[in-house]
Amino acid sequence: MSGTDSGDTTAGRETVPPQPASAPDSGGGSRARPAGGPEAAHHPAADRTDRANRRYMPPDFSIALRPGNGADAPGYPVGERRHPMRGFEDTYSDIVDYIVRITHRIWEDQDVGYVYDTYAPGCRLHDDSGLKVGVEPLVTGTIANIHAFPDCRHYADEVIWAGDDRDGFVTSHRAQNTGTHTGDWQWGPATGKPLRTWVMANCEVVENEITEEWVLYNTAAKLDQLGIDVREAARAFGNEGGLSPLTDRQLGDVDRLTGGRKPLPYPRRADGAGFDPDHLVRALYHDVYNRRDLSAVDRAYAPHVRWYGPTNRTGYGRADVRGMARGLLATFPDLGHQVDEVYWMGNEADGYRVSVRWTAVGTHRGHALYGRPTGRRVHLWGLTQLYLSQGRITEEWTLFNEFDVLAQLLRDDPADRLV
């Protein structure tokens, strides 16, 4: 993993246990600070800092994955507890071990019923088709996908985590998925083609149960690899009612402009305040997507950054990062963006691994990404993993609900908003 090689797991490395939620910072970990420092309290974007981000942030990579380990990798410590996990099954050594091995058991061992033990009965699941509540939709969807790809394998590339067993853990899990399409599914008959793509899932976990999950399966990339027309599939999906109804919250105005005022630059941190991953992320997204300042990319990213995006997009260098941002802004000229959650692992010497969850709303009035403008108002949401070295982003992995966006745009019912 570029930029964070020093973060590889070492089985014998001493682990610093999470501090209790009420404990002050004492060098064994970090608590996120409000974005922008005290002087930023008046700024709408800074004022929206998620209070859950006052959680414990691991100060190193002693509990972490080597890229590509997967559940079968030799050498990953299991059995002995490496940090407190009140309420979890005894078999799990740490929260990373928990996330990787429950995924393996459910998908590769095909013990789908283990979902009932590891997801809360009223869990909330956000995916390309919208919000689902409860365990049964998850069980049904898992069985359908295993039927379509019965030889599926899931290779864990990353688990970024934060939190503790008192307030709950949060995790961002990225994996490479492989399989052969030998079973019929909702998009048509089996194609017999191999599949290799990557997915990302963010979870909130309390006492052995996932209470909320945001998962993006890179659906458009999957369909494209199998030779299925992505735009036609999205149109059919929208027409057949596959999308959950969008709420006023999802289609409401994101606070890009407040009270008709111009969007202000994100406040700088006070001199001597030290490096803050939370501030870097919130400033970057606000300045690029709300203020339309693409030069913020040059300030936040290393020149040689590697970038991986939805539907098999890849890039190298700041120009490719700016290109994707320009494409979204040109497609949705009134786009408003907000960061919903940030957490991280690491330190200034070894670098950081950062998880970001975000939301955006805009109207399709431009030609850049999705063809002739439809005038439709759409809801976007995404998951991002960032790797930082010496205060700059050296690698980025981002997925957003692109297939869902296409379904919102291409469905055949008349657009309710005109260009």
Protein backbone atom coordinates (compact mmCIF):
# COMPACT_ATOMS: atom_id res chain seq x y z
CA MET A 1 0.00 0.00 0.00
CA SER A 2 1.69 3.17 -1.14
CA GLY A 3 2.35 5.84 1.41
CA THR A 4 1.71 3.59 4.44
CA ASP A 5 4.14 0.69 4.17
CA SER A 6 5.16 1.24 7.76
CA GLY A 7 1.63 0.31 8.78
CA ASP A 8 1.94 -3.41 8.05
CA THR A 9 0.79 -5.77 10.78
CA THR A 10 3.47 -7.36 12.94
CA ALA A 11 2.15 -10.18 15.07
CA GLY A 12 4.46 -9.52 18.00
CA ARG A 13 4.10 -5.76 18.07
CA GLU A 14 2.80 -4.31 21.31
CA THR A 15 -0.77 -3.05 21.14
CA VAL A 16 -1.97 0.12 22.85
CA PRO A 17 -5.53 -0.59 24.06
CA PRO A 18 -8.29 1.95 23.42
CA GLN A 19 -8.81 4.52 26.12
CA PRO A 20 -12.22 4.67 27.81
CA ALA A 21 -14.52 7.16 26.14
CA SER A 22 -14.42 9.48 29.13
CA ALA A 23 -10.62 9.45 29.48
CA PRO A 24 -8.57 12.45 28.36
CA ASP A 25 -5.98 12.01 25.63
CA SER A 26 -2.83 10.63 27.25
CA GLY A 27 -0.60 9.75 24.34
CA GLY A 28 -2.02 6.23 23.83
CA GLY A 29 -4.55 7.35 21.27
CA SER A 30 -6.25 10.38 19.80
CA ARG A 31 -9.68 11.90 19.91
CA ALA A 32 -10.87 13.83 16.89
CA ARG A 33 -11.08 17.58 17.32
CA PRO A 34 -13.79 19.85 15.96
CA ALA A 35 -12.90 20.75 12.39
CA GLY A 36 -11.14 24.02 11.80
CA GLY A 37 -10.23 24.89 15.40
CA PRO A 38 -12.05 27.33 17.65
CA GLU A 39 -12.13 30.08 15.04
CA ALA A 40 -14.16 27.85 12.68
CA ALA A 41 -17.27 27.50 14.84
CA HIS A 42 -19.21 30.05 12.79
CA HIS A 43 -18.59 28.30 9.48
CA PRO A 44 -21.50 26.05 8.36
CA ALA A 45 -19.27 23.28 7.02
CA ALA A 46 -17.03 23.32 10.08
CA ASP A 47 -20.00 23.46 12.42
CA ARG A 48 -21.30 20.17 11.01
CA THR A 49 -18.46 18.05 12.44
CA ASP A 50 -19.88 14.67 13.43
CA ARG A 51 -19.88 14.45 17.21
CA ALA A 52 -19.29 10.72 16.93
CA ASN A 53 -15.82 11.63 15.68
CA ARG A 54 -14.77 12.36 19.26
CA ARG A 55 -14.16 8.62 19.42
CA TYR A 56 -10.84 6.83 19.95
CA MET A 57 -8.55 6.84 16.89
CA PRO A 58 -5.83 4.13 16.82
CA PRO A 59 -2.43 5.85 17.04
CA ASP A 60 -0.58 3.21 15.00
CA PHE A 61 -1.10 0.17 12.74
CA SER A 62 -0.46 -2.57 15.30
CA ILE A 63 -4.03 -3.79 14.74
CA ALA A 64 -4.34 -3.71 10.96
CA LEU A 65 -4.27 -5.78 7.80
CA ARG A 66 -1.49 -6.27 5.34
CA PRO A 67 -3.02 -5.47 1.93
CA GLY A 68 -4.66 -8.50 0.35
CA ASN A 69 -4.45 -10.75 3.43
CA GLY A 70 -7.99 -12.07 3.35
CA ALA A 71 -9.27 -14.42 6.02
CA ASP A 72 -6.93 -17.29 5.15
CA ALA A 73 -3.64 -15.41 5.47
CA PRO A 74 -1.15 -17.12 7.78
CA GLY A 75 0.39 -15.13 10.59
CA TYR A 76 -2.52 -12.83 11.48
CA PRO A 77 -2.94 -13.14 15.27
CA VAL A 78 -6.17 -14.82 16.32
CA GLY A 79 -7.41 -16.18 19.60
CA GLU A 80 -5.81 -13.91 22.20
CA ARG A 81 -7.56 -10.58 22.68
CA ARG A 82 -5.52 -7.65 21.44
CA HIS A 83 -7.89 -4.98 22.74
CA PRO A 84 -11.08 -4.98 24.84
CA MET A 85 -14.12 -6.41 23.01
CA ARG A 86 -16.91 -6.55 25.56
CA GLY A 87 -19.89 -8.54 24.26
CA PHE A 88 -18.06 -10.10 21.28
CA GLU A 89 -17.61 -13.82 20.70
CA ASP A 90 -14.41 -15.15 22.27
CA THR A 91 -13.05 -16.37 18.92
CA TYR A 92 -12.23 -12.85 17.68
CA SER A 93 -8.90 -11.30 18.65
CA ASP A 94 -9.72 -7.71 17.57
CA ILE A 95 -12.20 -5.71 15.51
CA VAL A 96 -10.26 -6.24 12.27
CA ASP A 97 -10.28 -9.99 12.81
CA TYR A 98 -14.04 -9.80 13.47
CA ILE A 99 -14.87 -7.94 10.25
CA VAL A 100 -12.71 -10.12 8.01
CA ARG A 101 -13.75 -13.47 9.46
CA ILE A 102 -17.49 -12.87 9.63
CA THR A 103 -17.34 -11.86 5.95
CA HIS A 104 -15.44 -15.06 5.16
CA ARG A 105 -17.88 -17.24 7.11
CA ILE A 106 -21.01 -15.70 5.59
CA TRP A 107 -19.85 -15.51 1.97
CA GLU A 108 -17.16 -18.13 1.40
CA ASP A 109 -18.26 -20.77 3.92
CA GLN A 110 -21.83 -19.86 2.87
CA ASP A 111 -23.08 -19.84 6.46
CA VAL A 112 -25.64 -17.18 5.59
CA GLY A 113 -27.50 -17.80 8.84
CA TYR A 114 -24.55 -16.30 10.70
CA VAL A 115 -26.02 -12.96 9.62
CA TYR A 116 -28.58 -13.44 12.41
CA ASP A 117 -25.75 -13.54 14.96
CA THR A 118 -23.68 -10.64 13.62
CA TYR A 119 -26.31 -8.10 12.49
CA ALA A 120 -28.80 -6.42 14.83
CA PRO A 121 -32.45 -7.34 14.15
CA GLY A 122 -33.29 -3.75 13.25
CA CYS A 123 -30.05 -2.99 11.39
CA ARG A 124 -30.07 -0.33 8.69
CA LEU A 125 -28.44 -1.20 5.36
CA HIS A 126 -27.62 1.46 2.75
CA ASP A 127 -26.66 0.25 -0.73
CA ASP A 128 -27.09 1.15 -4.41
CA SER A 129 -30.85 0.61 -4.22
CA GLY A 130 -31.43 2.76 -1.16
CA LEU A 131 -32.17 2.03 2.51
CA LYS A 132 -33.29 -1.37 3.82
CA VAL A 133 -34.21 -2.05 7.44
CA GLY A 134 -33.93 -5.40 9.18
CA VAL A 135 -31.96 -8.61 8.74
CA GLU A 136 -34.18 -10.44 6.24
CA PRO A 137 -33.41 -8.24 3.19
CA LEU A 138 -29.72 -8.81 3.89
CA VAL A 139 -30.16 -12.59 4.12
CA THR A 140 -32.21 -12.66 0.93
CA GLY A 141 -29.72 -10.57 -1.04
CA THR A 142 -26.74 -12.60 0.20
CA ILE A 143 -28.28 -15.91 -0.88
CA ALA A 144 -29.18 -14.47 -4.30
CA ASN A 145 -25.61 -13.27 -4.85
CA ILE A 146 -24.05 -16.53 -3.70
CA HIS A 147 -26.36 -18.38 -6.10
CA ALA A 148 -25.13 -16.18 -8.95
CA PHE A 149 -21.45 -16.59 -7.95
CA PRO A 150 -21.21 -19.85 -5.94
CA ASP A 151 -17.39 -19.88 -6.08
CA CYS A 152 -17.07 -16.31 -4.81
CA ARG A 153 -14.01 -15.29 -2.85
CA HIS A 154 -13.50 -12.10 -0.84
CA TYR A 155 -9.92 -10.92 -0.29
CA ALA A 156 -9.66 -8.23 2.37
CA ASP A 157 -7.41 -5.36 1.24
CA GLU A 158 -8.10 -2.96 4.09
CA VAL A 159 -9.98 -2.46 7.34
CA ILE A 160 -9.71 1.06 8.76
CA TRP A 161 -11.22 1.16 12.24
CA ALA A 162 -11.83 3.43 15.22
CA GLY A 163 -13.83 3.41 18.44
CA ASP A 164 -13.92 1.01 21.37
CA ASP A 165 -16.15 -1.57 23.04
CA ARG A 166 -17.86 1.05 25.18
CA ASP A 167 -19.14 3.43 22.49
CA GLY A 168 -18.99 0.94 19.63
CA PHE A 169 -16.54 0.39 16.79
CA VAL A 170 -16.64 1.80 13.27
CA THR A 171 -14.94 0.04 10.36
CA SER A 172 -14.27 0.68 6.68
CA HIS A 173 -13.66 -2.62 4.87
CA ARG A 174 -12.34 -2.76 1.30
CA ALA A 175 -12.13 -6.11 -0.49
CA GLN A 176 -11.39 -7.63 -3.87
CA ASN A 177 -14.20 -9.96 -4.97
CA THR A 178 -13.80 -12.79 -7.46
CA GLY A 179 -16.20 -15.41 -8.79
CA THR A 180 -17.73 -17.03 -11.85
CA HIS A 181 -21.23 -16.07 -12.97
CA THR A 182 -22.87 -19.50 -13.15
CA GLY A 183 -26.28 -18.74 -11.65
CA ASP A 184 -29.20 -16.67 -12.93
CA TRP A 185 -29.86 -13.38 -11.12
CA GLN A 186 -31.96 -10.22 -11.35
CA TRP A 187 -30.01 -8.95 -14.37
CA GLY A 188 -30.66 -12.04 -16.48
CA PRO A 189 -29.31 -15.52 -17.12
CA ALA A 190 -25.85 -16.72 -16.11
CA THR A 191 -23.11 -15.55 -18.46
CA GLY A 192 -20.40 -18.00 -17.37
CA LYS A 193 -17.94 -15.09 -17.23
CA PRO A 194 -15.37 -14.49 -14.48
CA LEU A 195 -15.75 -11.47 -12.22
CA ARG A 196 -13.09 -9.51 -10.39
CA THR A 197 -13.97 -6.21 -8.81
CA TRP A 198 -13.62 -4.33 -5.55
CA VAL A 199 -16.21 -3.30 -2.99
CA MET A 200 -16.33 -1.20 0.15
CA ALA A 201 -18.48 -1.40 3.29
CA ASN A 202 -18.57 0.87 6.36
CA CYS A 203 -20.09 -0.56 9.53
CA GLU A 204 -21.07 0.48 13.02
CA VAL A 205 -20.55 -2.47 15.39
CA VAL A 206 -21.73 -2.85 18.99
CA GLU A 207 -21.24 -6.02 21.04
CA ASN A 208 -20.86 -8.48 18.14
CA GLU A 209 -23.67 -6.93 16.06
CA ILE A 210 -23.55 -4.58 13.09
CA THR A 211 -26.20 -1.94 13.73
CA GLU A 212 -25.77 0.06 10.51
CA GLU A 213 -23.91 -0.60 7.25
CA TRP A 214 -23.15 1.46 4.16
CA VAL A 215 -22.05 -0.85 1.34
CA LEU A 216 -21.22 -0.15 -2.30
CA TYR A 217 -20.83 -3.21 -4.53
CA ASN A 218 -19.44 -1.30 -7.54
CA THR A 219 -22.54 -2.51 -9.38
CA ALA A 220 -21.86 -0.78 -12.69
CA ALA A 221 -18.36 -2.31 -12.80
CA LYS A 222 -19.79 -5.80 -12.13
CA LEU A 223 -22.36 -5.52 -14.91
CA ASP A 224 -19.83 -4.12 -17.36
CA GLN A 225 -17.41 -6.99 -16.72
CA LEU A 226 -20.19 -9.50 -17.41
CA GLY A 227 -21.09 -7.87 -20.74
CA ILE A 228 -24.37 -6.37 -19.52
CA ASP A 229 -25.36 -2.93 -20.84
CA VAL A 230 -25.04 -0.75 -17.74
CA ARG A 231 -27.28 2.10 -18.92
CA GLU A 232 -30.07 -0.24 -20.05
CA ALA A 233 -29.86 -2.17 -16.77
CA ALA A 234 -30.05 1.10 -14.82
CA ARG A 235 -33.04 2.28 -16.86
CA ALA A 236 -34.86 -1.01 -16.24
CA PHE A 237 -33.96 -0.91 -12.55
CA GLY A 238 -35.43 2.58 -12.20
CA ASN A 239 -38.53 1.70 -14.22
CA GLU A 240 -39.22 -1.47 -12.22
CA GLY A 241 -39.21 0.38 -8.92
CA GLY A 242 -35.85 -0.93 -7.76
CA LEU A 243 -34.99 2.41 -6.19
CA SER A 244 -36.19 3.23 -2.71
CA PRO A 245 -38.16 6.50 -2.63
CA LEU A 246 -35.82 9.41 -2.02
CA THR A 247 -36.64 11.43 1.07
CA ASP A 248 -36.72 15.17 1.52
CA ARG A 249 -33.48 14.85 3.46
CA GLN A 250 -31.78 13.13 0.53
CA LEU A 251 -33.02 15.64 -2.04
CA GLY A 252 -32.93 18.72 0.16
CA ASP A 253 -30.36 21.45 -0.18
CA VAL A 254 -26.92 20.62 1.14
CA ASP A 255 -25.49 23.65 2.93
CA ARG A 256 -23.31 24.92 0.09
CA LEU A 257 -24.80 28.41 0.20
CA THR A 258 -26.21 29.70 3.46
CA GLY A 259 -28.66 32.57 3.43
CA GLY A 260 -27.80 33.43 -0.18
CA ARG A 261 -24.19 34.17 0.74
CA LYS A 262 -21.17 33.16 -1.32
CA PRO A 263 -19.42 29.93 -0.24
CA LEU A 264 -16.53 30.82 2.04
CA PRO A 265 -13.17 29.04 2.01
CA TYR A 266 -12.84 26.47 4.76
CA PRO A 267 -11.15 28.07 7.81
CA ARG A 268 -7.45 27.36 8.29
CA ARG A 269 -6.21 25.88 11.51
CA ALA A 270 -4.37 28.11 13.92
CA ASP A 271 -0.59 28.16 13.58
CA GLY A 272 1.01 25.50 15.74
CA ALA A 273 -2.21 23.51 16.08
CA GLY A 274 -0.61 20.40 14.56
CA PHE A 275 -1.78 18.17 11.76
CA ASP A 276 -5.44 17.08 11.90
CA PRO A 277 -6.75 14.49 9.37
CA ASP A 278 -10.33 15.56 10.09
CA HIS A 279 -9.57 19.16 9.14
CA LEU A 280 -7.68 18.18 5.99
CA VAL A 281 -10.59 16.05 4.74
CA ARG A 282 -13.36 18.52 5.51
CA ALA A 283 -11.41 21.44 4.06
CA LEU A 284 -10.60 19.48 0.90
CA TYR A 285 -14.16 18.41 0.14
CA HIS A 286 -15.70 21.75 1.05
CA ASP A 287 -13.24 23.83 -0.99
CA VAL A 288 -13.39 21.55 -4.07
CA TYR A 289 -17.10 20.74 -4.22
CA ASN A 290 -18.79 23.66 -2.46
CA ARG A 291 -16.44 26.53 -3.26
CA ARG A 292 -15.37 25.06 -6.66
CA ASP A 293 -11.69 25.60 -5.83
CA LEU A 294 -9.92 22.83 -7.73
CA SER A 295 -6.54 24.18 -6.65
CA ALA A 296 -7.33 22.60 -3.26
CA VAL A 297 -6.39 19.29 -4.90
CA ASP A 298 -2.81 20.50 -5.30
CA ARG A 299 -2.64 21.48 -1.63
CA ALA A 300 -3.98 18.15 -0.31
CA TYR A 301 -2.63 15.51 -2.73
CA ALA A 302 0.92 14.37 -3.43
CA PRO A 303 2.02 14.85 -7.07
CA HIS A 304 2.25 11.08 -7.61
CA VAL A 305 -1.11 10.17 -6.04
CA ARG A 306 -2.78 6.99 -7.24
CA TRP A 307 -6.56 7.15 -7.54
CA TYR A 308 -9.14 4.35 -7.88
CA GLY A 309 -12.78 5.21 -8.53
CA PRO A 310 -16.18 3.69 -9.35
CA THR A 311 -16.83 1.62 -12.47
CA ASN A 312 -13.17 0.68 -12.98
CA ARG A 313 -11.88 4.26 -13.18
CA THR A 314 -8.21 4.69 -12.29
CA GLY A 315 -5.85 7.63 -12.34
CA TYR A 316 -2.36 8.80 -11.51
CA GLY A 317 -1.43 12.30 -10.44
CA ARG A 318 -3.33 15.38 -9.36
CA ALA A 319 -4.66 16.06 -12.86
CA ASP A 320 -6.71 12.85 -12.81
CA VAL A 321 -8.12 13.66 -9.37
CA ARG A 322 -9.13 17.12 -10.59
CA GLY A 323 -10.60 15.58 -13.75
CA MET A 324 -13.10 13.45 -11.81
CA ALA A 325 -14.05 16.40 -9.60
CA ARG A 326 -14.55 18.60 -12.68
CA GLY A 327 -16.69 15.92 -14.25
CA LEU A 328 -19.06 15.79 -11.28
CA LEU A 329 -19.27 19.58 -11.01
CA ALA A 330 -19.87 19.98 -14.75
CA THR A 331 -22.57 17.29 -14.70
CA PHE A 332 -24.32 18.68 -11.61
CA PRO A 333 -23.60 22.45 -11.69
CA ASP A 334 -25.51 23.14 -8.47
CA LEU A 335 -23.87 20.26 -6.59
CA GLY A 336 -23.74 20.62 -2.83
CA HIS A 337 -21.52 18.31 -0.78
CA GLN A 338 -21.16 17.41 2.87
CA VAL A 339 -18.85 15.09 4.81
CA ASP A 340 -20.89 12.84 7.11
CA GLU A 341 -18.14 10.98 8.97
CA VAL A 342 -14.34 10.88 9.23
CA TYR A 343 -12.14 8.52 11.26
CA TRP A 344 -8.57 7.30 10.95
CA MET A 345 -5.60 5.25 12.12
CA GLY A 346 -1.98 6.33 12.37
CA ASN A 347 0.29 9.21 13.25
CA GLU A 348 2.40 11.89 11.58
CA ALA A 349 5.58 9.80 11.47
CA ASP A 350 4.05 6.64 9.94
CA GLY A 351 1.23 8.25 7.99
CA TYR A 352 -2.54 7.89 8.24
CA ARG A 353 -5.27 5.71 6.83
CA VAL A 354 -8.51 7.71 6.75
CA SER A 355 -12.12 6.68 6.15
CA VAL A 356 -14.60 9.24 4.79
CA ARG A 357 -18.34 8.89 4.23
CA TRP A 358 -20.03 11.70 2.29
CA THR A 359 -23.28 12.87 0.70
CA ALA A 360 -24.02 15.16 -2.25
CA VAL A 361 -27.11 16.48 -4.04
CA GLY A 362 -27.31 18.07 -7.49
CA THR A 363 -29.37 18.60 -10.63
CA HIS A 364 -28.38 16.97 -13.93
CA ARG A 365 -27.84 20.00 -16.15
CA GLY A 366 -24.46 19.22 -17.73
CA HIS A 367 -23.10 16.77 -20.32
CA ALA A 368 -19.79 15.75 -18.73
CA LEU A 369 -20.49 12.26 -17.37
CA TYR A 370 -23.96 10.93 -18.14
CA GLY A 371 -25.02 12.26 -21.53
CA ARG A 372 -27.85 14.62 -22.41
CA PRO A 373 -29.06 16.51 -19.32
CA THR A 374 -32.31 15.22 -17.87
CA GLY A 375 -32.96 18.01 -15.37
CA ARG A 376 -33.43 15.45 -12.62
CA ARG A 377 -32.41 16.11 -9.04
CA VAL A 378 -30.23 13.24 -7.76
CA HIS A 379 -28.80 12.03 -4.48
CA LEU A 380 -25.20 10.79 -4.38
CA TRP A 381 -23.38 9.20 -1.48
CA GLY A 382 -19.93 7.71 -1.28
CA LEU A 383 -17.22 5.96 0.71
CA THR A 384 -13.56 6.94 0.46
CA GLN A 385 -10.32 5.59 1.90
CA LEU A 386 -7.33 7.94 1.88
CA TYR A 387 -3.66 7.15 2.56
CA LEU A 388 -1.57 10.04 3.84
CA SER A 389 2.18 10.47 4.10
CA GLN A 390 3.86 13.66 5.31
CA GLY A 391 0.52 15.44 5.33
CA ARG A 392 -0.37 14.67 1.68
CA ILE A 393 -2.75 12.12 0.16
CA THR A 394 -0.70 9.50 -1.70
CA GLU A 395 -3.51 7.06 -2.54
CA GLU A 396 -7.31 7.25 -2.76
CA TRP A 397 -10.02 4.63 -3.17
CA THR A 398 -13.52 6.04 -3.75
CA LEU A 399 -16.87 4.48 -4.58
CA PHE A 400 -20.21 6.26 -4.88
CA ASN A 401 -23.67 5.02 -5.83
CA GLU A 402 -23.08 5.49 -9.56
CA PHE A 403 -25.47 2.76 -10.69
CA ASP A 404 -28.16 4.27 -8.46
CA VAL A 405 -27.42 7.71 -9.96
CA LEU A 406 -27.86 6.30 -13.47
CA ALA A 407 -31.16 4.71 -12.45
CA GLN A 408 -32.36 8.04 -11.05
CA LEU A 409 -31.42 9.79 -14.31
CA LEU A 410 -32.46 7.25 -16.94
CA ARG A 411 -35.83 5.95 -15.75
CA ASP A 412 -38.55 6.62 -18.34
CA ASP A 413 -41.13 8.51 -16.26
CA PRO A 414 -41.12 12.25 -17.04
CA ALA A 415 -38.49 14.27 -15.25
CA ASP A 416 -40.01 16.24 -12.43
CA ARG A 417 -37.49 19.03 -12.87
CA LEU A 418 -36.59 20.58 -16.20
CA VAL A 419 -33.28 22.07 -17.32
